[in-house]
Amino acid sequence: MTQPNSNEQENKEEVVIEQFALGLSIKVVSDFLKPTAKLLGDKLTSKVKQTFFPEDVLQEEREQERQ
């Protein structure tokens, strides 16, 4: 009768370990993707500005050169 209890305990421990590993891997991937997503968003914003508002982009570049 003690065998099923020890198997249950082992299964519970394995589930906890798997959940921890999954949480850790999600955290690592999330930390990696945040700056990548920001960089892609910045590039997309820049492209949209250049395409639809080229005068504004030229003006911003001139202002940056003055500084």
PDB file of N, CA and C in Angstrom:
ATOM      1  N   MET A   1       0.808  -1.205   0.000  1.00  0.00           N
ATOM      2  CA  MET A   1       0.000   0.000   0.000  1.00  0.00           C
ATOM      3  C   MET A   1       0.849   1.267   0.000  1.00  0.00           C
ATOM      4  N   THR A   2       2.080   1.166   0.432  1.00  0.00           N
ATOM      5  CA  THR A   2       2.904   2.373   0.443  1.00  0.00           C
ATOM      6  C   THR A   2       3.395   2.724  -0.953  1.00  0.00           C
ATOM      7  N   GLN A   3       3.434   1.760  -1.845  1.00  0.00           N
ATOM      8  CA  GLN A   3       3.929   2.003  -3.203  1.00  0.00           C
ATOM      9  C   GLN A   3       3.105   3.051  -3.956  1.00  0.00           C
ATOM     10  N   PRO A   4       1.757   2.962  -3.982  1.00  0.00           N
ATOM     11  CA  PRO A   4       0.986   3.979  -4.711  1.00  0.00           C
ATOM     12  C   PRO A   4       1.214   5.385  -4.164  1.00  0.00           C
ATOM     13  N   ASN A   5       1.359   5.498  -2.844  1.00  0.00           N
ATOM     14  CA  ASN A   5       1.577   6.816  -2.255  1.00  0.00           C
ATOM     15  C   ASN A   5       2.900   7.411  -2.707  1.00  0.00           C
ATOM     16  N   SER A   6       3.941   6.587  -2.758  1.00  0.00           N
ATOM     17  CA  SER A   6       5.236   7.116  -3.176  1.00  0.00           C
ATOM     18  C   SER A   6       5.201   7.475  -4.660  1.00  0.00           C
ATOM     19  N   ASN A   7       4.483   6.701  -5.465  1.00  0.00           N
ATOM     20  CA  ASN A   7       4.334   7.042  -6.885  1.00  0.00           C
ATOM     21  C   ASN A   7       3.569   8.352  -7.055  1.00  0.00           C
ATOM     22  N   GLU A   8       2.530   8.530  -6.256  1.00  0.00           N
ATOM     23  CA  GLU A   8       1.764   9.778  -6.307  1.00  0.00           C
ATOM     24  C   GLU A   8       2.653  10.960  -5.959  1.00  0.00           C
ATOM     25  N   GLN A   9       3.458  10.801  -4.914  1.00  0.00           N
ATOM     26  CA  GLN A   9       4.362  11.874  -4.488  1.00  0.00           C
ATOM     27  C   GLN A   9       5.371  12.191  -5.592  1.00  0.00           C
ATOM     28  N   GLU A  10       5.919  11.151  -6.210  1.00  0.00           N
ATOM     29  CA  GLU A  10       6.877  11.366  -7.304  1.00  0.00           C
ATOM     30  C   GLU A  10       6.217  12.098  -8.466  1.00  0.00           C
ATOM     31  N   ASN A  11       4.993  11.702  -8.798  1.00  0.00           N
ATOM     32  CA  ASN A  11       4.270  12.356  -9.892  1.00  0.00           C
ATOM     33  C   ASN A  11       4.023  13.828  -9.583  1.00  0.00           C
ATOM     34  N   LYS A  12       3.644  14.123  -8.340  1.00  0.00           N
ATOM     35  CA  LYS A  12       3.406  15.510  -7.943  1.00  0.00           C
ATOM     36  C   LYS A  12       4.697  16.319  -8.041  1.00  0.00           C
ATOM     37  N   GLU A  13       5.801  15.724  -7.591  1.00  0.00           N
ATOM     38  CA  GLU A  13       7.086  16.425  -7.657  1.00  0.00           C
ATOM     39  C   GLU A  13       7.490  16.675  -9.109  1.00  0.00           C
ATOM     40  N   GLU A  14       7.266  15.690  -9.979  1.00  0.00           N
ATOM     41  CA  GLU A  14       7.594  15.866 -11.394  1.00  0.00           C
ATOM     42  C   GLU A  14       6.767  16.985 -12.017  1.00  0.00           C
ATOM     43  N   VAL A  15       5.492  17.048 -11.654  1.00  0.00           N
ATOM     44  CA  VAL A  15       4.618  18.094 -12.191  1.00  0.00           C
ATOM     45  C   VAL A  15       5.107  19.464 -11.733  1.00  0.00           C
ATOM     46  N   VAL A  16       5.479  19.574 -10.472  1.00  0.00           N
ATOM     47  CA  VAL A  16       5.971  20.848  -9.946  1.00  0.00           C
ATOM     48  C   VAL A  16       7.252  21.258 -10.669  1.00  0.00           C
ATOM     49  N   ILE A  17       8.153  20.310 -10.867  1.00  0.00           N
ATOM     50  CA  ILE A  17       9.411  20.601 -11.568  1.00  0.00           C
ATOM     51  C   ILE A  17       9.127  21.027 -13.007  1.00  0.00           C
ATOM     52  N   GLU A  18       8.218  20.325 -13.682  1.00  0.00           N
ATOM     53  CA  GLU A  18       7.878  20.676 -15.063  1.00  0.00           C
ATOM     54  C   GLU A  18       7.247  22.065 -15.141  1.00  0.00           C
ATOM     55  N   GLN A  19       6.377  22.379 -14.182  1.00  0.00           N
ATOM     56  CA  GLN A  19       5.746  23.697 -14.170  1.00  0.00           C
ATOM     57  C   GLN A  19       6.785  24.790 -13.936  1.00  0.00           C
ATOM     58  N   PHE A  20       7.733  24.533 -13.033  1.00  0.00           N
ATOM     59  CA  PHE A  20       8.795  25.502 -12.767  1.00  0.00           C
ATOM     60  C   PHE A  20       9.651  25.709 -14.014  1.00  0.00           C
ATOM     61  N   ALA A  21      10.014  24.610 -14.673  1.00  0.00           N
ATOM     62  CA  ALA A  21      10.841  24.702 -15.883  1.00  0.00           C
ATOM     63  C   ALA A  21      10.102  25.459 -16.983  1.00  0.00           C
ATOM     64  N   LEU A  22       8.819  25.203 -17.129  1.00  0.00           N
ATOM     65  CA  LEU A  22       8.023  25.899 -18.134  1.00  0.00           C
ATOM     66  C   LEU A  22       7.958  27.393 -17.821  1.00  0.00           C
ATOM     67  N   GLY A  23       7.716  27.724 -16.565  1.00  0.00           N
ATOM     68  CA  GLY A  23       7.671  29.131 -16.160  1.00  0.00           C
ATOM     69  C   GLY A  23       8.992  29.829 -16.400  1.00  0.00           C
ATOM     70  N   LEU A  24      10.077  29.143 -16.088  1.00  0.00           N
ATOM     71  CA  LEU A  24      11.409  29.715 -16.288  1.00  0.00           C
ATOM     72  C   LEU A  24      11.687  29.933 -17.773  1.00  0.00           C
ATOM     73  N   SER A  25      11.331  28.964 -18.600  1.00  0.00           N
ATOM     74  CA  SER A  25      11.579  29.115 -20.035  1.00  0.00           C
ATOM     75  C   SER A  25      10.715  30.226 -20.621  1.00  0.00           C
ATOM     76  N   ILE A  26       9.487  30.370 -20.142  1.00  0.00           N
ATOM     77  CA  ILE A  26       8.628  31.464 -20.608  1.00  0.00           C
ATOM     78  C   ILE A  26       9.247  32.804 -20.230  1.00  0.00           C
ATOM     79  N   LYS A  27       9.789  32.898 -19.020  1.00  0.00           N
ATOM     80  CA  LYS A  27      10.432  34.141 -18.564  1.00  0.00           C
ATOM     81  C   LYS A  27      11.633  34.476 -19.444  1.00  0.00           C
ATOM     82  N   VAL A  28      12.458  33.498 -19.745  1.00  0.00           N
ATOM     83  CA  VAL A  28      13.651  33.724 -20.569  1.00  0.00           C
ATOM     84  C   VAL A  28      13.249  34.183 -21.967  1.00  0.00           C
ATOM     85  N   VAL A  29      12.278  33.509 -22.564  1.00  0.00           N
ATOM     86  CA  VAL A  29      11.828  33.878 -23.909  1.00  0.00           C
ATOM     87  C   VAL A  29      11.217  35.277 -23.891  1.00  0.00           C
ATOM     88  N   SER A  30      10.436  35.566 -22.869  1.00  0.00           N
ATOM     89  CA  SER A  30       9.815  36.883 -22.747  1.00  0.00           C
ATOM     90  C   SER A  30      10.871  37.976 -22.638  1.00  0.00           C
ATOM     91  N   ASP A  31      11.877  37.760 -21.797  1.00  0.00           N
ATOM     92  CA  ASP A  31      12.946  38.748 -21.638  1.00  0.00           C
ATOM     93  C   ASP A  31      13.707  38.949 -22.943  1.00  0.00           C
ATOM     94  N   PHE A  32      13.836  37.897 -23.725  1.00  0.00           N
ATOM     95  CA  PHE A  32      14.533  37.998 -25.011  1.00  0.00           C
ATOM     96  C   PHE A  32      13.678  38.735 -26.041  1.00  0.00           C
ATOM     97  N   LEU A  33      12.379  38.463 -26.054  1.00  0.00           N
ATOM     98  CA  LEU A  33      11.520  39.012 -27.100  1.00  0.00           C
ATOM     99  C   LEU A  33      11.146  40.473 -26.886  1.00  0.00           C
ATOM    100  N   LYS A  34      11.116  40.934 -25.636  1.00  0.00           N
ATOM    101  CA  LYS A  34      10.712  42.321 -25.394  1.00  0.00           C
ATOM    102  C   LYS A  34      11.592  43.317 -26.141  1.00  0.00           C
ATOM    103  N   PRO A  35      12.924  43.259 -25.998  1.00  0.00           N
ATOM    104  CA  PRO A  35      13.743  44.229 -26.743  1.00  0.00           C
ATOM    105  C   PRO A  35      13.653  44.025 -28.253  1.00  0.00           C
ATOM    106  N   THR A  36      13.509  42.782 -28.681  1.00  0.00           N
ATOM    107  CA  THR A  36      13.386  42.503 -30.112  1.00  0.00           C
ATOM    108  C   THR A  36      12.101  43.121 -30.655  1.00  0.00           C
ATOM    109  N   ALA A  37      11.016  42.960 -29.921  1.00  0.00           N
ATOM    110  CA  ALA A  37       9.738  43.532 -30.346  1.00  0.00           C
ATOM    111  C   ALA A  37       9.814  45.056 -30.365  1.00  0.00           C
ATOM    112  N   LYS A  38      10.485  45.638 -29.378  1.00  0.00           N
ATOM    113  CA  LYS A  38      10.627  47.095 -29.343  1.00  0.00           C
ATOM    114  C   LYS A  38      11.437  47.570 -30.541  1.00  0.00           C
ATOM    115  N   LEU A  39      12.517  46.883 -30.844  1.00  0.00           N
ATOM    116  CA  LEU A  39      13.352  47.255 -31.985  1.00  0.00           C
ATOM    117  C   LEU A  39      12.554  47.172 -33.288  1.00  0.00           C
ATOM    118  N   LEU A  40      11.792  46.090 -33.452  1.00  0.00           N
ATOM    119  CA  LEU A  40      10.976  45.943 -34.662  1.00  0.00           C
ATOM    120  C   LEU A  40       9.905  47.029 -34.737  1.00  0.00           C
ATOM    121  N   GLY A  41       9.312  47.344 -33.587  1.00  0.00           N
ATOM    122  CA  GLY A  41       8.313  48.412 -33.547  1.00  0.00           C
ATOM    123  C   GLY A  41       8.912  49.753 -33.920  1.00  0.00           C
ATOM    124  N   ASP A  42      10.118  50.035 -33.411  1.00  0.00           N
ATOM    125  CA  ASP A  42      10.795  51.292 -33.743  1.00  0.00           C
ATOM    126  C   ASP A  42      11.106  51.369 -35.233  1.00  0.00           C
ATOM    127  N   LYS A  43      11.567  50.255 -35.802  1.00  0.00           N
ATOM    128  CA  LYS A  43      11.877  50.238 -37.239  1.00  0.00           C
ATOM    129  C   LYS A  43      10.612  50.447 -38.067  1.00  0.00           C
ATOM    130  N   LEU A  44       9.522  49.791 -37.655  1.00  0.00           N
ATOM    131  CA  LEU A  44       8.262  49.937 -38.378  1.00  0.00           C
ATOM    132  C   LEU A  44       7.765  51.377 -38.295  1.00  0.00           C
ATOM    133  N   THR A  45       7.855  51.970 -37.109  1.00  0.00           N
ATOM    134  CA  THR A  45       7.444  53.360 -36.932  1.00  0.00           C
ATOM    135  C   THR A  45       8.266  54.276 -37.827  1.00  0.00           C
ATOM    136  N   SER A  46       9.563  54.030 -37.875  1.00  0.00           N
ATOM    137  CA  SER A  46      10.452  54.833 -38.712  1.00  0.00           C
ATOM    138  C   SER A  46      10.069  54.719 -40.185  1.00  0.00           C
ATOM    139  N   LYS A  47       9.800  53.495 -40.632  1.00  0.00           N
ATOM    140  CA  LYS A  47       9.413  53.277 -42.032  1.00  0.00           C
ATOM    141  C   LYS A  47       8.100  53.984 -42.358  1.00  0.00           C
ATOM    142  N   VAL A  48       7.143  53.901 -41.447  1.00  0.00           N
ATOM    143  CA  VAL A  48       5.845  54.547 -41.670  1.00  0.00           C
ATOM    144  C   VAL A  48       6.032  56.057 -41.760  1.00  0.00           C
ATOM    145  N   LYS A  49       6.851  56.610 -40.852  1.00  0.00           N
ATOM    146  CA  LYS A  49       7.108  58.055 -40.890  1.00  0.00           C
ATOM    147  C   LYS A  49       7.761  58.453 -42.206  1.00  0.00           C
ATOM    148  N   GLN A  50       8.764  57.680 -42.631  1.00  0.00           N
ATOM    149  CA  GLN A  50       9.461  58.007 -43.877  1.00  0.00           C
ATOM    150  C   GLN A  50       8.526  57.926 -45.079  1.00  0.00           C
ATOM    151  N   THR A  51       7.604  56.986 -45.036  1.00  0.00           N
ATOM    152  CA  THR A  51       6.704  56.787 -46.170  1.00  0.00           C
ATOM    153  C   THR A  51       5.614  57.850 -46.231  1.00  0.00           C
ATOM    154  N   PHE A  52       4.983  58.121 -45.095  1.00  0.00           N
ATOM    155  CA  PHE A  52       3.808  58.985 -45.093  1.00  0.00           C
ATOM    156  C   PHE A  52       4.091  60.422 -44.677  1.00  0.00           C
ATOM    157  N   PHE A  53       5.192  60.645 -43.958  1.00  0.00           N
ATOM    158  CA  PHE A  53       5.513  61.991 -43.482  1.00  0.00           C
ATOM    159  C   PHE A  53       6.980  62.331 -43.748  1.00  0.00           C
ATOM    160  N   PRO A  54       7.405  62.302 -45.009  1.00  0.00           N
ATOM    161  CA  PRO A  54       8.832  62.523 -45.289  1.00  0.00           C
ATOM    162  C   PRO A  54       9.312  63.911 -44.876  1.00  0.00           C
ATOM    163  N   GLU A  55       8.429  64.922 -44.940  1.00  0.00           N
ATOM    164  CA  GLU A  55       8.838  66.271 -44.544  1.00  0.00           C
ATOM    165  C   GLU A  55       9.189  66.315 -43.061  1.00  0.00           C
ATOM    166  N   ASP A  56       8.386  65.644 -42.243  1.00  0.00           N
ATOM    167  CA  ASP A  56       8.648  65.615 -40.802  1.00  0.00           C
ATOM    168  C   ASP A  56       9.973  64.930 -40.503  1.00  0.00           C
ATOM    169  N   VAL A  57      10.267  63.862 -41.225  1.00  0.00           N
ATOM    170  CA  VAL A  57      11.517  63.130 -41.011  1.00  0.00           C
ATOM    171  C   VAL A  57      12.701  64.017 -41.370  1.00  0.00           C
ATOM    172  N   LEU A  58      12.617  64.722 -42.487  1.00  0.00           N
ATOM    173  CA  LEU A  58      13.699  65.625 -42.887  1.00  0.00           C
ATOM    174  C   LEU A  58      13.899  66.726 -41.855  1.00  0.00           C
ATOM    175  N   GLN A  59      12.802  67.268 -41.345  1.00  0.00           N
ATOM    176  CA  GLN A  59      12.892  68.326 -40.339  1.00  0.00           C
ATOM    177  C   GLN A  59      13.541  67.798 -39.060  1.00  0.00           C
ATOM    178  N   GLU A  60      13.168  66.597 -38.624  1.00  0.00           N
ATOM    179  CA  GLU A  60      13.771  66.001 -37.427  1.00  0.00           C
ATOM    180  C   GLU A  60      15.263  65.784 -37.622  1.00  0.00           C
ATOM    181  N   GLU A  61      15.660  65.314 -38.799  1.00  0.00           N
ATOM    182  CA  GLU A  61      17.082  65.083 -39.072  1.00  0.00           C
ATOM    183  C   GLU A  61      17.859  66.394 -39.042  1.00  0.00           C
ATOM    184  N   ARG A  62      17.287  67.446 -39.589  1.00  0.00           N
ATOM    185  CA  ARG A  62      17.951  68.759 -39.566  1.00  0.00           C
ATOM    186  C   ARG A  62      18.117  69.262 -38.138  1.00  0.00           C
ATOM    187  N   GLU A  63      17.074  69.084 -37.325  1.00  0.00           N
ATOM    188  CA  GLU A  63      17.148  69.523 -35.929  1.00  0.00           C
ATOM    189  C   GLU A  63      18.218  68.750 -35.171  1.00  0.00           C
ATOM    190  N   GLN A  64      18.343  67.463 -35.444  1.00  0.00           N
ATOM    191  CA  GLN A  64      19.364  66.657 -34.771  1.00  0.00           C
ATOM    192  C   GLN A  64      20.760  67.079 -35.202  1.00  0.00           C
ATOM    193  N   GLU A  65      20.927  67.461 -36.463  1.00  0.00           N
ATOM    194  CA  GLU A  65      22.235  67.911 -36.945  1.00  0.00           C
ATOM    195  C   GLU A  65      22.640  69.219 -36.285  1.00  0.00           C
ATOM    196  N   ARG A  66      21.680  70.081 -36.000  1.00  0.00           N
ATOM    197  CA  ARG A  66      21.966  71.364 -35.350  1.00  0.00           C
ATOM    198  C   ARG A  66      22.458  71.168 -33.923  1.00  0.00           C
ATOM    199  N   GLN A  67      21.987  70.135 -33.290  1.00  0.00           N
ATOM    200  CA  GLN A  67      22.352  69.904 -31.882  1.00  0.00           C
ATOM    201  C   GLN A  67      23.652  69.242 -31.801  1.00  0.00           C
TER     202      GLN A  67
END
